[in-house]
Protein backbone atom coordinates (compact mmCIF):
# COMPACT_ATOMS: atom_id res chain seq x y z
CA MET A 1 -23.06 -12.76 10.53
CA PRO A 2 -22.89 -10.12 13.31
CA LEU A 3 -23.22 -11.09 16.95
CA THR A 4 -26.52 -9.86 18.40
CA ASP A 5 -26.91 -8.44 21.91
CA GLN A 6 -29.06 -11.44 22.79
CA GLN A 7 -26.39 -13.91 21.62
CA LEU A 8 -23.63 -12.09 23.50
CA GLU A 9 -25.72 -11.87 26.67
CA LYS A 10 -26.39 -15.62 26.53
CA ILE A 11 -22.67 -16.41 26.15
CA ILE A 12 -21.73 -14.09 29.02
CA LYS A 13 -24.39 -15.37 31.40
CA GLN A 14 -23.30 -18.95 30.75
CA ALA A 15 -19.67 -18.03 31.44
CA LEU A 16 -20.57 -16.18 34.65
CA HIS A 17 -22.69 -19.09 35.88
CA GLU A 18 -19.91 -21.55 35.08
CA ASP A 19 -17.49 -19.61 37.32
CA ILE A 20 -19.70 -18.20 40.08
CA GLN A 21 -22.78 -20.42 40.47
CA ASP A 22 -23.96 -19.89 44.09
CA GLY A 23 -21.32 -17.25 44.80
CA ASP A 24 -17.65 -16.30 44.96
CA ILE A 25 -17.09 -17.65 48.47
CA THR A 26 -13.59 -16.18 48.85
CA THR A 27 -14.73 -12.67 48.02
CA LEU A 28 -17.92 -13.03 50.05
CA ALA A 29 -15.83 -14.03 53.06
CA ALA A 30 -12.86 -11.68 52.72
CA VAL A 31 -14.04 -8.47 51.02
CA PRO A 32 -16.38 -5.96 52.67
CA GLN A 33 -19.46 -5.38 50.51
CA ASN A 34 -19.19 -1.59 50.78
CA LEU A 35 -15.53 -1.42 49.74
CA LYS A 36 -14.87 0.58 46.55
CA ALA A 37 -12.01 -0.03 44.14
CA LEU A 38 -10.45 1.10 40.88
CA GLY A 39 -9.19 -1.60 38.54
CA LYS A 40 -6.63 -1.04 35.78
CA PHE A 41 -6.29 -3.26 32.70
CA LEU A 42 -2.61 -3.51 31.83
CA ILE A 43 -1.21 -4.96 28.60
CA LYS A 44 1.93 -6.96 29.38
CA GLU A 45 3.08 -7.67 25.82
CA ASP A 46 2.70 -6.05 22.40
CA GLY A 47 -0.48 -7.01 20.60
CA VAL A 48 -3.88 -6.11 19.18
CA VAL A 49 -6.83 -5.58 21.51
CA SER A 50 -10.13 -7.37 20.98
CA GLY A 51 -13.03 -7.85 23.38
CA ILE A 52 -13.56 -4.33 24.70
CA ASN A 53 -17.28 -4.39 23.96
CA VAL A 54 -17.56 -7.85 25.54
CA VAL A 55 -15.93 -6.53 28.72
CA LYS A 56 -18.38 -3.64 28.86
CA LYS A 57 -21.27 -6.06 28.53
CA ILE A 58 -19.96 -8.38 31.28
CA PHE A 59 -19.68 -5.56 33.79
CA LYS A 60 -23.12 -4.24 32.90
CA ILE A 61 -24.76 -7.66 33.23
CA PHE A 62 -23.12 -8.54 36.54
CA ASP A 63 -23.30 -5.15 38.27
CA GLU A 64 -24.73 -2.22 36.36
CA ASP A 65 -23.14 0.18 38.86
CA LEU A 66 -19.66 -0.79 37.72
CA LEU A 67 -18.20 1.95 35.53
CA PHE A 68 -15.92 0.70 32.76
CA THR A 69 -13.88 3.21 30.77
CA SER A 70 -11.89 1.98 27.78
CA LYS A 71 -8.87 3.86 26.48
CA VAL A 72 -8.71 1.96 23.17
CA LYS A 73 -11.07 0.44 20.62
CA ASP A 74 -11.22 -3.13 19.38
CA GLY A 75 -8.56 -3.63 16.72
CA THR A 76 -6.10 -1.16 18.27
CA LYS A 77 -2.42 -2.09 18.25
CA VAL A 78 -0.90 -1.61 21.70
CA SER A 79 2.54 -1.92 23.19
CA LYS A 80 3.68 -3.57 26.40
CA TYR A 81 2.70 -1.74 29.62
CA THR A 82 -0.18 0.15 28.00
CA ILE A 83 -3.22 0.70 30.24
CA ILE A 84 -6.24 0.00 28.03
CA GLY A 85 -9.05 0.68 30.47
CA PHE A 86 -10.38 1.16 33.97
CA VAL A 87 -13.25 -0.24 35.99
CA GLU A 88 -14.59 1.49 39.08
CA GLY A 89 -17.12 0.34 41.65
CA LYS A 90 -17.60 -2.31 44.34
CA ALA A 91 -14.40 -4.22 44.91
CA SER A 92 -16.35 -7.44 45.47
CA SER A 93 -18.03 -7.16 42.05
CA ILE A 94 -14.75 -6.46 40.27
CA LEU A 95 -13.03 -9.40 41.92
CA THR A 96 -15.89 -11.80 41.22
CA VAL A 97 -15.97 -11.13 37.47
CA GLU A 98 -12.22 -10.59 37.04
CA ARG A 99 -11.43 -14.03 35.60
CA THR A 100 -14.43 -14.13 33.28
CA VAL A 101 -13.53 -10.70 31.93
CA LEU A 102 -9.87 -11.61 31.42
CA ASN A 103 -10.68 -14.97 29.83
CA PHE A 104 -12.64 -13.27 27.07
CA LEU A 105 -10.29 -10.30 26.69
CA GLN A 106 -7.08 -12.33 26.68
CA ARG A 107 -8.33 -14.98 24.23
CA MET A 108 -9.90 -12.51 21.81
CA SER A 109 -6.83 -10.26 21.92
CA GLY A 110 -4.60 -13.28 21.33
CA ILE A 111 -6.61 -14.18 18.23
CA ALA A 112 -6.54 -10.59 16.98
CA THR A 113 -2.79 -10.38 17.56
CA THR A 114 -2.12 -13.61 15.67
CA ALA A 115 -4.43 -12.54 12.83
CA ASN A 116 -2.56 -9.26 12.55
CA LEU A 117 0.81 -11.01 12.34
CA PHE A 118 -0.46 -13.11 9.41
CA SER A 119 -2.13 -10.19 7.61
CA GLU A 120 1.03 -8.07 7.86
CA LYS A 121 3.07 -10.84 6.20
CA ILE A 122 0.97 -10.74 3.01
CA LYS A 123 -0.16 -7.12 2.76
CA HIS A 124 1.89 -6.64 -0.41
CA THR A 125 -0.24 -9.25 -2.22
CA LYS A 126 -3.92 -9.51 -3.18
CA ALA A 127 -4.44 -12.52 -0.92
CA LYS A 128 -6.66 -12.38 2.15
CA ILE A 129 -6.22 -14.47 5.27
CA ILE A 130 -9.45 -16.22 6.28
CA ASP A 131 -10.40 -18.22 9.35
CA THR A 132 -11.92 -21.69 9.71
CA ARG A 133 -14.51 -23.48 11.86
CA LYS A 134 -11.75 -24.62 14.23
CA THR A 135 -13.13 -22.52 17.07
CA VAL A 136 -14.08 -23.07 20.71
CA PRO A 137 -17.57 -24.63 20.75
CA GLY A 138 -20.07 -21.96 21.70
CA LEU A 139 -17.63 -19.10 21.13
CA ARG A 140 -17.37 -19.17 17.34
CA LEU A 141 -18.87 -15.74 16.75
CA LEU A 142 -16.52 -14.15 19.30
CA ASP A 143 -13.52 -15.98 17.82
CA LYS A 144 -14.44 -14.78 14.35
CA MET A 145 -15.06 -11.24 15.61
CA ALA A 146 -11.52 -11.22 16.99
CA VAL A 147 -10.14 -12.45 13.65
CA ALA A 148 -11.74 -9.45 11.96
CA HIS A 149 -10.33 -7.09 14.61
CA GLY A 150 -6.89 -8.42 13.69
CA GLY A 151 -7.32 -7.47 10.04
CA CYS A 152 -8.24 -10.85 8.54
CA GLU A 153 -11.54 -12.06 7.09
CA ASN A 154 -14.17 -14.57 8.09
CA HIS A 155 -14.85 -17.66 5.97
CA ARG A 156 -18.22 -19.39 6.37
CA ILE A 157 -19.74 -19.12 9.83
CA GLY A 158 -21.02 -22.70 9.90
CA LEU A 159 -22.27 -25.58 7.80
CA TYR A 160 -25.39 -23.66 6.81
CA ASP A 161 -24.15 -20.62 4.90
CA MET A 162 -21.89 -22.05 2.18
CA PHE A 163 -21.31 -25.31 0.31
CA LEU A 164 -17.83 -26.67 0.99
CA ILE A 165 -17.27 -30.00 -0.76
CA LYS A 166 -14.37 -31.72 0.99
CA ASP A 167 -12.58 -35.00 0.29
CA ASN A 168 -15.04 -37.10 2.27
CA HIS A 169 -17.99 -35.52 0.47
CA ILE A 170 -16.33 -36.37 -2.85
CA THR A 171 -15.81 -39.96 -1.73
CA ALA A 172 -19.44 -40.24 -0.63
CA ALA A 173 -20.79 -38.65 -3.83
CA GLY A 174 -18.52 -40.62 -6.16
CA SER A 175 -16.79 -37.66 -7.80
CA ILE A 176 -16.38 -33.89 -7.70
CA THR A 177 -18.80 -33.57 -10.59
CA ASN A 178 -21.51 -35.57 -8.82
CA ALA A 179 -21.05 -33.62 -5.61
CA VAL A 180 -21.23 -30.24 -7.34
CA ASN A 181 -24.26 -31.19 -9.41
CA THR A 182 -26.18 -32.34 -6.36
CA CYS A 183 -25.32 -29.11 -4.56
CA LYS A 184 -26.59 -27.11 -7.53
CA GLU A 185 -29.80 -29.18 -7.54
CA TYR A 186 -30.17 -28.44 -3.82
CA GLN A 187 -29.70 -24.73 -4.57
CA THR A 188 -32.53 -24.82 -7.11
CA LYS A 189 -34.83 -26.86 -4.88
CA LYS A 190 -34.30 -24.69 -1.81
CA VAL A 191 -34.07 -21.42 -3.79
CA THR A 192 -30.73 -20.48 -2.27
CA SER A 193 -27.67 -18.78 -3.69
CA PHE A 194 -24.88 -19.92 -1.42
CA LYS A 195 -21.41 -20.16 -2.92
CA ILE A 196 -19.97 -23.55 -3.81
CA GLU A 197 -16.37 -24.36 -2.94
CA VAL A 198 -14.52 -27.58 -3.75
CA GLU A 199 -11.46 -28.97 -2.00
CA THR A 200 -8.89 -30.42 -4.42
CA ALA A 201 -5.81 -32.54 -3.77
CA ASN A 202 -4.12 -32.42 -7.19
CA LEU A 203 -4.19 -30.71 -10.58
CA SER A 204 -6.51 -33.33 -12.05
CA GLN A 205 -9.13 -32.50 -9.46
CA VAL A 206 -8.58 -28.79 -10.08
CA GLU A 207 -9.39 -29.34 -13.75
CA GLU A 208 -12.57 -31.26 -12.89
CA ALA A 209 -13.71 -28.65 -10.38
CA LEU A 210 -13.10 -25.83 -12.85
CA LYS A 211 -15.28 -27.56 -15.45
CA CYS A 212 -18.10 -27.61 -12.87
CA ASN A 213 -18.17 -23.79 -12.70
CA VAL A 214 -17.78 -23.53 -8.93
CA ASP A 215 -17.20 -20.29 -7.06
CA ILE A 216 -14.02 -21.25 -5.20
CA ILE A 217 -11.43 -23.99 -5.63
CA MET A 218 -9.44 -24.93 -2.56
CA LEU A 219 -5.89 -26.14 -3.09
CA ASP A 220 -5.34 -28.44 -0.14
CA ASN A 221 -1.74 -29.16 0.90
CA PHE A 222 -0.31 -28.17 -2.49
CA GLU A 223 3.41 -27.54 -2.77
CA ILE A 224 4.32 -24.02 -3.88
CA GLU A 225 5.24 -24.92 -7.47
CA GLU A 226 2.10 -27.02 -7.88
CA MET A 227 0.05 -24.18 -6.44
CA LYS A 228 1.49 -21.77 -9.00
CA LYS A 229 0.50 -24.15 -11.80
CA ALA A 230 -3.02 -24.43 -10.42
CA VAL A 231 -3.44 -20.65 -10.15
CA LYS A 232 -2.19 -20.22 -13.71
CA PHE A 233 -4.53 -22.97 -14.96
CA ILE A 234 -7.57 -21.49 -13.20
CA ASN A 235 -6.64 -18.10 -14.67
CA GLY A 236 -9.18 -16.04 -12.72
CA LYS A 237 -12.20 -18.15 -13.73
CA CYS A 238 -13.03 -18.59 -10.05
CA LYS A 239 -11.53 -17.66 -6.69
CA VAL A 240 -8.68 -19.77 -5.32
CA GLU A 241 -8.08 -20.68 -1.69
CA ALA A 242 -4.90 -22.22 -0.32
CA SER A 243 -5.21 -24.49 2.70
CA GLY A 244 -2.88 -26.73 4.66
CA MET A 245 0.78 -26.36 5.62
CA VAL A 246 0.19 -22.67 6.38
CA ASN A 247 2.21 -21.04 9.12
CA ILE A 248 3.73 -17.64 9.78
CA ASN A 249 6.90 -18.64 7.89
CA SER A 250 5.20 -20.12 4.81
CA VAL A 251 2.30 -17.70 4.36
CA LYS A 252 4.25 -15.10 2.37
CA ASP A 253 5.36 -17.62 -0.28
CA ILE A 254 1.83 -18.98 -0.51
CA ALA A 255 0.34 -15.52 -0.97
CA GLU A 256 2.83 -14.72 -3.72
CA THR A 257 1.54 -17.63 -5.85
CA GLY A 258 -1.50 -15.50 -6.69
CA VAL A 259 -4.18 -17.21 -4.61
CA ASP A 260 -7.12 -15.12 -3.43
CA TYR A 261 -7.54 -16.61 0.04
CA ILE A 262 -5.40 -18.45 2.55
CA SER A 263 -7.24 -20.30 5.31
CA VAL A 264 -5.43 -20.50 8.63
CA GLY A 265 -6.86 -22.73 11.34
CA ALA A 266 -4.16 -21.57 13.76
CA LEU A 267 -5.88 -18.20 14.08
CA THR A 268 -8.36 -19.81 16.45
CA HIS A 269 -7.59 -23.47 17.20
CA SER A 270 -4.32 -23.07 19.10
CA VAL A 271 -3.96 -19.37 19.73
CA LYS A 272 -1.88 -18.02 22.63
CA ALA A 273 -3.80 -15.66 24.89
CA LEU A 274 -2.45 -12.13 25.12
CA ASP A 275 -0.99 -11.37 28.56
CA ILE A 276 -3.30 -8.84 30.20
CA SER A 277 -3.69 -8.18 33.93
CA LEU A 278 -6.28 -6.45 36.09
CA LYS A 279 -4.94 -4.81 39.23
CA ILE A 280 -7.14 -3.04 41.76
CA GLU A 281 -6.53 -0.11 44.08
CA ILE A 282 -8.81 0.50 47.05
CA LYS A 283 -10.55 3.87 46.92
CA PRO A 284 -10.78 5.91 50.10
CA VAL A 285 -14.20 6.15 51.77
CA GLU A 286 -15.85 9.44 50.90
């Protein structure tokens, strides 16, 4: 689901209001309103850039006279000390939106960088790294956009665009079979065609889920050898997702079992922001 201009504008305006409200009192007091400046965005560690289009939108919304020039595109790998863009205009405007701009750019670039590290580890296999719903509330679409910029794929966007029958659903429904059947009945009643995925905890549940003709079977917290057995048993009859106990050191072994997808909550739930700074230079009065 792509992020619309209206959705992005709403997110940005909320972030600006959160930080500025009645005004940036330090800048209002200390910086002359007619002072012009040039700001440089400097990457301070190797990574993958994400959020360039968000930055452009922030500057345009806050002060349409600010001129932002990017030197890279979203998804670009950059090395330490690379200048990725410039902003030119009123110094007071640049200083007021500096933190909001960097918050988005640093977080999104951190996600993209992490996603790229994972995708590089498994590029020799057919597996794809996918994200989860473990995102910052209100920023899910931006988090997932950054995941894609890093070379990974998006799983479901929310609870509304795919059936994902987890352990608690199975407990509530009484069995995997009951849960799947009721989801299929819901599909027919609502005339939808959303995919059905089932979380499994052991090979017995895998067998039951496979008999239900679901689209995806999730292998949750399976050991490597057990995962191999499950993939062999499923034998391409549906897609297979591995979940749980996934980290940068284990992901290669998991991918080599033959699974189709590997979900990684760490892409978004505990990501380290990429170190990016914005330094200004005062422009001489013309």
